[in-house]
Amino acid sequence: MALFEGGMPGAPPPSFARATHLFADGLPAPLSAVPSFDDIPEALHSGGAQVPGNGHDRPYRFSFYSNALSATIHARSLSELPADGQTFAEMFSGLAGSGMSSGTASVDPRSAGAAVSGDPEGHTWWLDVLSPTDEEMKMLSQVFNIHPLTTEDIQMEEAREKIELFRTYYLVCFRSFDQDPYSPTYLEPLNMYIIVFREGILSFHFRPTPHPQNVRRRIKQLKDYISVTSDWISYALIDDITDAFGPLIQSIEYEVDSIDELVLILKEAEQSDMLRRIGTCRKKVMGLLRLMGNKADVVKGLAKRCNENWKVAPTSDIGLYLSDIQDHLITMTQNLNHYEKILSRSHSNYLAQISIEMTDANNQINDVLSKLTALGTVLIPMNLVTGLWGMNVHVPGEGSDGNYAWFLSIIGCLAAFAIIGGYTTYKFMVR
């Protein structure tokens, strides 16, 4: 049973009739006005100066798109979304309120007429929420009849990527990453939760991300050629998240090729930074492999539902787009695995080359030490002979004045021993 079913043609849907009541007088206090900035996570303003706790400096946390409106509505709280004199039921149904001011976004009469005529896919809405609070999640769950398990997954920031089908919607959990290279959380996982109804879509994320803006820009460019349905918006979000990995994988490919070529030809003085480059690149590859995870399986499961008789599942046309995304994901994963193998081989080659250089250095040291050992072998016996004749030992020929025959004989014997010992050692080392 779809969200809008059960109502008379031209009358507001029952769920939005309840939404009008809940968003009006019965709205809890934290949502009836602009929420406190203290409830917004620190990640929203971690990169700049401290944002004041009140005023108009708070970031826009709610973005409402509708193909019945000429522009996207951005608001800081739920209460700021409707225009003056417009109810939430009229805003989600694509109808202009009785008291709407002339400065608000205009309503497309064709889309509004489709909503009144009862065509659920003739008018599509999209509410994107950044860092929803517990009160906001409770209110949205009541209004859109979201299952408690879905609400719990979003509030607990469930990291596992999956697709779940419920009675009136299906949930897609898909992970992206922080794309700001100057952010301290660069490349960290960013969870995107997409709740797709037949009439519209709710998306939630807990850190700023460019994906919703990219999809809205894509819709603006292609709205004259495609039918913008809730299934197409969910596909476009998944496709934009997948495309975000492309430039990063391309840069990794260039780095891997450079490392693979330089690891064996760099001189010893130029290799000091190579190990760090290999380690940094492998860290990026492993991080991307973790982010890719089971994305292909999730998209495959979602595409499979398109061919089954599930009322809330996407149509078969969207299944063709999802199959294309699946092919891209499989190719990216295979490329990353290939890069990891190349880096592992380059790492082994680098360590092998370092080992060879250390072996050569050890061989040179051993050669020098062997020469010093040979020299010591020749000189030590000579010192032994001369050391026997101390001051208290009678030296041969000591009493003969002016006669150096004994002295010269001893020197000649030592010289002959040195020559014979050196020649013998040289022959032994050469052999």
Protein backbone atom coordinates (compact mmCIF):
# COMPACT_ATOMS: atom_id res chain seq x y z
CA MET A 1 0.00 0.00 0.00
CA ALA A 2 1.64 3.20 -1.12
CA LEU A 3 1.92 6.33 0.95
CA PHE A 4 -0.74 8.27 -0.98
CA GLU A 5 -3.19 5.44 -1.51
CA GLY A 6 -6.59 5.41 0.12
CA GLY A 7 -7.58 8.98 -0.61
CA MET A 8 -10.03 10.54 -2.99
CA PRO A 9 -8.60 11.98 -6.23
CA GLY A 10 -7.81 15.61 -5.66
CA ALA A 11 -7.88 15.29 -1.87
CA PRO A 12 -4.74 15.40 0.29
CA PRO A 13 -3.35 11.93 1.08
CA PRO A 14 -4.15 10.53 4.55
CA SER A 15 -0.52 10.50 5.62
CA PHE A 16 -0.14 14.17 4.73
CA ALA A 17 -3.40 15.00 6.42
CA ARG A 18 -1.81 13.59 9.54
CA ALA A 19 1.40 15.43 8.66
CA THR A 20 -0.49 18.74 8.51
CA HIS A 21 -1.79 18.15 11.99
CA LEU A 22 1.56 17.05 13.37
CA PHE A 23 3.53 19.84 11.75
CA ALA A 24 1.11 22.47 12.92
CA ASP A 25 -0.12 22.86 16.51
CA GLY A 26 0.98 19.43 17.66
CA LEU A 27 4.61 19.87 16.69
CA PRO A 28 7.03 19.35 19.60
CA ALA A 29 8.83 22.42 20.87
CA PRO A 30 12.30 21.57 19.52
CA LEU A 31 10.88 21.44 15.96
CA SER A 32 8.39 24.28 16.08
CA ALA A 33 11.23 26.79 15.91
CA VAL A 34 14.78 26.83 14.64
CA PRO A 35 16.63 24.08 16.57
CA SER A 36 19.53 24.93 18.79
CA PHE A 37 22.89 24.93 17.06
CA ASP A 38 24.23 22.84 19.92
CA ASP A 39 22.27 19.90 18.52
CA ILE A 40 24.21 20.08 15.24
CA PRO A 41 27.33 17.85 15.22
CA GLU A 42 30.72 19.46 15.51
CA ALA A 43 31.64 18.22 12.00
CA LEU A 44 29.43 20.89 10.46
CA HIS A 45 31.59 23.73 11.69
CA SER A 46 34.91 22.05 12.49
CA GLY A 47 36.69 23.54 9.51
CA GLY A 48 36.10 27.22 10.27
CA ALA A 49 35.51 29.70 13.00
CA GLN A 50 32.97 29.14 15.73
CA VAL A 51 29.48 29.69 14.38
CA PRO A 52 27.13 31.68 16.60
CA GLY A 53 24.41 29.79 18.42
CA ASN A 54 21.60 31.93 17.02
CA GLY A 55 20.86 34.08 14.03
CA HIS A 56 21.08 33.29 10.35
CA ASP A 57 24.63 31.92 10.37
CA ARG A 58 23.53 28.35 10.95
CA PRO A 59 23.97 26.00 7.99
CA TYR A 60 20.98 24.90 5.93
CA ARG A 61 20.16 21.39 7.10
CA PHE A 62 16.97 20.74 5.08
CA SER A 63 16.68 20.82 1.30
CA PHE A 64 13.34 20.20 -0.37
CA TYR A 65 13.13 19.51 -4.10
CA SER A 66 9.95 18.99 -6.05
CA ASN A 67 9.39 18.83 -9.77
CA ALA A 68 6.34 21.02 -9.09
CA LEU A 69 8.62 23.85 -7.91
CA SER A 70 10.95 25.98 -9.97
CA ALA A 71 13.70 26.01 -7.32
CA THR A 72 14.96 23.98 -4.39
CA ILE A 73 13.93 25.13 -0.92
CA HIS A 74 16.71 25.28 1.69
CA ALA A 75 15.87 25.70 5.36
CA ARG A 76 17.52 25.55 8.76
CA SER A 77 14.61 23.72 10.40
CA LEU A 78 11.48 21.86 9.40
CA SER A 79 9.28 24.79 10.34
CA GLU A 80 10.98 27.00 7.71
CA LEU A 81 10.24 24.70 4.76
CA PRO A 82 6.67 25.69 3.84
CA ALA A 83 6.03 29.11 2.32
CA ASP A 84 3.78 31.65 3.99
CA GLY A 85 0.24 30.37 3.99
CA GLN A 86 1.25 26.91 2.75
CA THR A 87 0.81 23.69 4.68
CA PHE A 88 3.13 20.72 4.66
CA ALA A 89 0.49 18.64 2.86
CA GLU A 90 0.27 21.25 0.10
CA MET A 91 4.05 21.51 -0.15
CA PHE A 92 4.56 17.75 -0.50
CA SER A 93 1.58 17.46 -2.85
CA GLY A 94 2.90 20.20 -5.12
CA LEU A 95 -0.06 22.53 -4.50
CA ALA A 96 0.22 26.26 -3.91
CA GLY A 97 -1.09 27.54 -0.60
CA SER A 98 -3.82 30.13 -0.39
CA GLY A 99 -1.52 32.71 1.14
CA MET A 100 1.77 32.08 -0.65
CA SER A 101 3.81 35.20 -1.23
CA SER A 102 4.97 36.19 -4.66
CA GLY A 103 8.65 35.81 -3.65
CA THR A 104 8.43 32.06 -3.15
CA ALA A 105 9.26 29.40 -5.70
CA SER A 106 6.56 29.12 -8.32
CA VAL A 107 4.56 25.94 -8.86
CA ASP A 108 4.63 24.10 -12.17
CA PRO A 109 0.94 23.73 -13.13
CA ARG A 110 1.60 20.51 -15.08
CA SER A 111 3.15 18.79 -12.06
CA ALA A 112 0.50 20.14 -9.74
CA GLY A 113 -2.20 18.87 -12.08
CA ALA A 114 -0.56 15.44 -12.11
CA ALA A 115 -0.59 15.36 -8.32
CA VAL A 116 -4.26 16.27 -8.18
CA SER A 117 -5.19 13.75 -10.86
CA GLY A 118 -3.86 10.93 -8.68
CA ASP A 119 -0.73 9.97 -10.65
CA PRO A 120 1.80 9.19 -7.87
CA GLU A 121 4.82 9.43 -10.17
CA GLY A 122 3.65 12.55 -11.99
CA HIS A 123 4.83 14.62 -9.02
CA THR A 124 8.00 13.69 -7.11
CA TRP A 125 9.43 15.30 -4.00
CA TRP A 126 12.78 14.90 -2.28
CA LEU A 127 13.63 15.95 1.27
CA ASP A 128 17.35 15.87 2.13
CA VAL A 129 18.19 16.10 5.84
CA LEU A 130 21.63 16.83 7.27
CA SER A 131 22.34 15.54 10.80
CA PRO A 132 18.75 14.91 11.95
CA THR A 133 18.13 15.14 15.67
CA ASP A 134 16.21 12.52 17.63
CA GLU A 135 13.11 14.74 17.75
CA GLU A 136 13.22 15.31 14.01
CA MET A 137 13.64 11.60 13.29
CA LYS A 138 10.72 10.80 15.59
CA MET A 139 8.50 13.34 13.85
CA LEU A 140 9.47 12.21 10.33
CA SER A 141 8.95 8.57 11.31
CA GLN A 142 5.44 9.36 12.52
CA VAL A 143 4.55 11.40 9.47
CA PHE A 144 5.87 9.01 6.82
CA ASN A 145 5.14 5.80 8.73
CA ILE A 146 8.80 4.75 8.78
CA HIS A 147 9.52 1.43 10.43
CA PRO A 148 11.32 1.61 13.82
CA LEU A 149 14.16 -0.56 12.47
CA THR A 150 14.83 2.00 9.75
CA THR A 151 14.75 4.85 12.25
CA GLU A 152 17.15 2.97 14.52
CA ASP A 153 19.57 2.30 11.65
CA ILE A 154 19.65 5.99 10.76
CA GLN A 155 20.00 7.24 14.33
CA MET A 156 22.71 4.71 15.16
CA GLU A 157 24.47 5.49 11.83
CA GLU A 158 24.46 1.89 10.65
CA ALA A 159 27.64 1.36 8.64
CA ARG A 160 26.68 -1.84 6.83
CA GLU A 161 25.57 -1.25 3.27
CA LYS A 162 22.28 -2.94 2.47
CA ILE A 163 18.85 -2.73 0.88
CA GLU A 164 15.68 -3.49 2.84
CA LEU A 165 12.13 -3.62 1.48
CA PHE A 166 9.23 -2.55 3.67
CA ARG A 167 5.51 -2.23 3.10
CA THR A 168 5.46 1.29 1.67
CA TYR A 169 9.13 2.02 0.90
CA TYR A 170 12.57 0.54 0.52
CA LEU A 171 15.73 1.59 2.35
CA VAL A 172 19.17 1.84 0.72
CA CYS A 173 22.26 2.27 2.92
CA PHE A 174 25.19 3.36 0.78
CA ARG A 175 28.58 4.65 1.89
CA SER A 176 30.50 7.50 0.39
CA PHE A 177 33.56 9.31 1.76
CA ASP A 178 34.62 12.79 2.77
CA GLN A 179 35.85 14.36 -0.48
CA ASP A 180 37.44 17.50 1.00
CA PRO A 181 41.24 16.94 0.82
CA TYR A 182 41.78 19.69 3.41
CA SER A 183 39.42 18.13 5.93
CA PRO A 184 40.81 16.13 8.89
CA THR A 185 38.23 13.44 8.03
CA TYR A 186 39.33 13.13 4.39
CA LEU A 187 38.53 9.67 2.93
CA GLU A 188 36.65 8.64 6.06
CA PRO A 189 33.35 6.79 5.43
CA LEU A 190 30.20 8.87 5.11
CA ASN A 191 26.91 6.98 5.37
CA MET A 192 24.01 7.95 3.13
CA TYR A 193 20.54 6.60 4.00
CA ILE A 194 17.92 6.75 1.25
CA ILE A 195 14.26 6.00 1.96
CA VAL A 196 12.37 5.68 -1.31
CA PHE A 197 8.58 5.93 -1.47
CA ARG A 198 6.59 5.68 -4.64
CA GLU A 199 5.83 9.43 -4.43
CA GLY A 200 9.09 10.80 -3.07
CA ILE A 201 12.35 10.19 -1.31
CA LEU A 202 13.94 10.98 2.05
CA SER A 203 17.74 11.08 2.33
CA PHE A 204 19.80 11.43 5.51
CA HIS A 205 23.49 12.01 6.13
CA PHE A 206 25.49 13.24 9.10
CA ARG A 207 28.24 15.24 7.41
CA PRO A 208 28.10 17.72 4.53
CA THR A 209 28.44 16.05 1.15
CA PRO A 210 28.14 17.34 -2.43
CA HIS A 211 26.06 14.38 -3.68
CA PRO A 212 22.58 15.92 -3.21
CA GLN A 213 23.64 19.13 -4.93
CA ASN A 214 25.19 17.17 -7.80
CA VAL A 215 22.00 15.17 -8.29
CA ARG A 216 19.83 18.30 -8.28
CA ARG A 217 22.14 19.85 -10.88
CA ARG A 218 21.83 16.71 -12.98
CA ILE A 219 18.05 16.79 -12.70
CA LYS A 220 18.04 20.40 -13.85
CA GLN A 221 20.07 19.46 -16.92
CA LEU A 222 18.04 16.35 -17.84
CA LYS A 223 14.53 17.14 -16.67
CA ASP A 224 13.37 17.76 -20.24
CA TYR A 225 14.56 14.31 -21.35
CA ILE A 226 13.78 12.01 -18.43
CA SER A 227 10.94 11.29 -16.04
CA VAL A 228 12.15 12.32 -12.60
CA THR A 229 10.72 9.69 -10.26
CA SER A 230 11.74 8.70 -6.76
CA ASP A 231 13.46 5.59 -8.14
CA TRP A 232 15.45 7.71 -10.57
CA ILE A 233 16.57 10.06 -7.78
CA SER A 234 17.75 7.11 -5.68
CA TYR A 235 19.61 5.77 -8.72
CA ALA A 236 21.18 9.18 -9.34
CA LEU A 237 22.41 9.37 -5.72
CA ILE A 238 23.95 5.91 -5.93
CA ASP A 239 25.49 6.76 -9.31
CA ASP A 240 26.98 10.03 -8.02
CA ILE A 241 28.49 8.26 -5.01
CA THR A 242 29.98 5.66 -7.36
CA ASP A 243 31.36 8.32 -9.72
CA ALA A 244 33.09 10.04 -6.78
CA PHE A 245 35.49 7.10 -6.56
CA GLY A 246 36.60 7.51 -10.19
CA PRO A 247 39.06 10.46 -9.91
CA LEU A 248 40.60 9.02 -6.75
CA ILE A 249 41.15 5.62 -8.35
CA GLN A 250 42.62 7.35 -11.43
CA SER A 251 45.13 9.25 -9.28
CA ILE A 252 46.05 6.00 -7.53
CA GLU A 253 46.64 4.37 -10.92
CA TYR A 254 49.12 7.14 -11.87
CA GLU A 255 50.91 6.78 -8.54
CA VAL A 256 51.09 2.99 -8.83
CA ASP A 257 52.54 3.19 -12.35
CA SER A 258 55.14 5.71 -11.17
CA ILE A 259 56.15 3.54 -8.22
CA ASP A 260 56.33 0.42 -10.35
CA GLU A 261 58.70 2.11 -12.83
CA LEU A 262 60.94 3.89 -10.33
CA VAL A 263 61.36 1.26 -7.64
CA LEU A 264 64.13 -0.59 -9.54
CA ILE A 265 65.90 2.29 -11.29
CA LEU A 266 66.29 4.88 -8.57
CA LYS A 267 69.74 5.47 -7.18
CA GLU A 268 70.50 4.82 -3.55
CA ALA A 269 70.32 8.51 -2.67
CA GLU A 270 66.86 8.81 -4.25
CA GLN A 271 65.24 5.83 -2.53
CA SER A 272 64.77 7.33 0.90
CA ASP A 273 61.17 8.39 0.17
CA MET A 274 60.11 5.35 -1.89
CA LEU A 275 59.06 3.20 1.06
CA ARG A 276 56.86 6.01 2.37
CA ARG A 277 55.25 6.47 -1.04
CA ILE A 278 54.50 2.77 -1.27
CA GLY A 279 53.04 2.71 2.24
CA THR A 280 50.86 5.78 1.67
CA CYS A 281 49.53 4.46 -1.63
CA ARG A 282 48.76 1.04 -0.15
CA LYS A 283 46.92 2.73 2.69
CA LYS A 284 44.72 4.59 0.19
CA VAL A 285 44.06 1.42 -1.80
CA MET A 286 43.08 -0.55 1.29
CA GLY A 287 40.86 2.30 2.47
CA LEU A 288 39.07 2.41 -0.88
CA LEU A 289 38.67 -1.36 -0.90
CA ARG A 290 37.05 -1.08 2.51
CA LEU A 291 34.74 1.65 1.23
CA MET A 292 33.83 -0.32 -1.88
CA GLY A 293 33.01 -3.30 0.32
CA ASN A 294 29.83 -4.99 -0.83
CA LYS A 295 28.52 -2.11 -2.93
CA ALA A 296 28.27 -4.32 -5.99
CA ASP A 297 26.19 -6.87 -4.06
CA VAL A 298 23.84 -4.15 -2.78
CA VAL A 299 23.29 -2.71 -6.25
CA LYS A 300 22.88 -6.22 -7.66
CA GLY A 301 20.23 -6.98 -5.05
CA LEU A 302 18.43 -3.73 -5.81
CA ALA A 303 18.51 -4.40 -9.56
CA LYS A 304 17.23 -7.92 -8.96
CA ARG A 305 14.20 -6.53 -7.13
CA CYS A 306 13.31 -4.56 -10.25
CA ASN A 307 12.35 -7.77 -12.03
CA GLU A 308 10.31 -9.15 -9.15
CA ASN A 309 6.74 -8.41 -8.18
CA TRP A 310 7.57 -6.05 -5.34
CA LYS A 311 5.25 -3.09 -5.30
CA VAL A 312 7.77 -0.73 -3.69
CA ALA A 313 10.77 -1.95 -5.71
CA PRO A 314 12.15 0.15 -8.58
CA THR A 315 10.80 -0.36 -12.08
CA SER A 316 12.63 -2.45 -14.65
CA ASP A 317 13.92 0.66 -16.48
CA ILE A 318 15.83 1.70 -13.37
CA GLY A 319 17.20 -1.83 -13.21
CA LEU A 320 19.14 -1.18 -16.43
CA TYR A 321 20.80 1.87 -14.87
CA LEU A 322 21.59 -0.08 -11.71
CA SER A 323 23.19 -2.87 -13.74
CA ASP A 324 25.46 -0.25 -15.33
CA ILE A 325 26.46 0.98 -11.85
CA GLN A 326 27.15 -2.61 -10.83
CA ASP A 327 29.53 -3.02 -13.77
CA HIS A 328 31.38 0.14 -12.75
CA LEU A 329 31.68 -1.03 -9.16
CA ILE A 330 33.00 -4.44 -10.17
CA THR A 331 35.54 -2.82 -12.50
CA MET A 332 36.70 -0.41 -9.79
CA THR A 333 37.08 -3.21 -7.26
CA GLN A 334 39.06 -5.32 -9.72
CA ASN A 335 41.32 -2.35 -10.52
CA LEU A 336 41.97 -1.71 -6.83
CA ASN A 337 42.83 -5.36 -6.27
CA HIS A 338 45.20 -5.19 -9.24
CA TYR A 339 46.86 -2.04 -7.86
CA GLU A 340 47.28 -3.73 -4.49
CA LYS A 341 49.08 -6.64 -6.16
CA ILE A 342 51.38 -4.24 -8.05
CA LEU A 343 52.17 -2.34 -4.86
CA SER A 344 52.83 -5.59 -3.02
CA ARG A 345 55.24 -6.64 -5.77
CA SER A 346 56.90 -3.20 -5.78
CA HIS A 347 57.25 -3.38 -2.02
CA SER A 348 58.93 -6.78 -2.30
CA ASN A 349 61.20 -5.53 -5.10
CA TYR A 350 62.17 -2.50 -3.04
CA LEU A 351 63.03 -4.62 -0.01
CA ALA A 352 64.92 -7.08 -2.23
CA GLN A 353 66.95 -4.26 -3.75
CA ILE A 354 67.72 -2.87 -0.31
CA SER A 355 68.81 -6.37 0.76
CA ILE A 356 71.10 -6.66 -2.27
CA GLU A 357 72.68 -3.28 -1.54
CA MET A 358 73.23 -4.24 2.09
CA THR A 359 74.82 -7.54 0.98
CA ASP A 360 77.19 -5.65 -1.33
CA ALA A 361 78.15 -3.31 1.49
CA ASN A 362 78.79 -6.25 3.81
CA ASN A 363 80.95 -7.92 1.17
CA GLN A 364 83.05 -4.79 0.81
CA ILE A 365 83.48 -4.57 4.56
CA ASN A 366 84.49 -8.23 4.72
CA ASP A 367 87.06 -7.67 1.98
CA VAL A 368 88.64 -4.80 3.88
CA LEU A 369 88.64 -6.78 7.11
CA SER A 370 90.29 -9.76 5.41
CA LYS A 371 93.08 -7.53 4.14
CA LEU A 372 93.61 -6.08 7.59
CA THR A 373 93.66 -9.58 9.03
CA ALA A 374 96.37 -10.64 6.53
CA LEU A 375 98.43 -7.59 7.41
CA GLY A 376 98.08 -8.38 11.10
CA THR A 377 99.11 -11.98 10.47
CA VAL A 378 102.39 -10.75 9.00
CA LEU A 379 103.16 -8.03 11.57
CA ILE A 380 102.20 -9.77 14.82
CA PRO A 381 105.03 -12.42 14.66
CA MET A 382 107.53 -9.65 14.00
CA ASN A 383 106.34 -7.80 17.09
CA LEU A 384 106.67 -11.05 19.03
CA VAL A 385 110.32 -11.44 18.02
CA THR A 386 111.23 -7.84 18.83
CA GLY A 387 109.27 -7.94 22.05
CA LEU A 388 111.53 -10.68 23.50
CA TRP A 389 114.43 -8.24 23.65
CA GLY A 390 113.57 -5.92 26.46
CA MET A 391 115.87 -3.74 28.55
CA ASN A 392 116.86 -6.63 30.84
CA VAL A 393 117.62 -9.14 28.06
CA HIS A 394 121.08 -9.55 26.55
CA VAL A 395 120.98 -8.75 22.84
CA PRO A 396 123.35 -10.58 20.50
CA GLY A 397 126.21 -8.33 19.39
CA GLU A 398 125.55 -5.88 22.24
CA GLY A 399 129.21 -5.77 23.28
CA SER A 400 130.75 -5.11 19.88
CA ASP A 401 131.22 -1.37 19.42
CA GLY A 402 130.81 0.05 15.94
CA ASN A 403 129.77 -3.27 14.47
CA TYR A 404 126.17 -3.46 13.17
CA ALA A 405 126.38 -6.97 11.76
CA TRP A 406 123.97 -8.45 14.28
CA PHE A 407 121.54 -5.55 13.93
CA LEU A 408 121.49 -5.73 10.17
CA SER A 409 121.12 -9.50 10.25
CA ILE A 410 118.10 -9.30 12.53
CA ILE A 411 116.51 -6.60 10.35
CA GLY A 412 117.18 -8.68 7.22
CA CYS A 413 115.56 -11.75 8.78
CA LEU A 414 112.48 -9.76 9.74
CA ALA A 415 112.23 -8.26 6.25
CA ALA A 416 112.60 -11.68 4.64
CA PHE A 417 109.88 -13.06 6.93
CA ALA A 418 107.57 -10.15 6.00
CA ILE A 419 108.13 -10.70 2.28
CA ILE A 420 107.63 -14.47 2.48
CA GLY A 421 104.55 -14.11 4.73
CA GLY A 422 102.98 -11.41 2.53
CA TYR A 423 103.54 -13.41 -0.66
CA THR A 424 102.10 -16.57 0.92
CA THR A 425 99.03 -14.67 2.16
CA TYR A 426 98.46 -13.09 -1.26
CA LYS A 427 98.60 -16.47 -2.98
CA PHE A 428 96.19 -17.93 -0.44
CA MET A 429 93.67 -15.07 -0.84
CA VAL A 430 93.86 -15.17 -4.65
CA ARG A 431 93.26 -18.92 -4.65
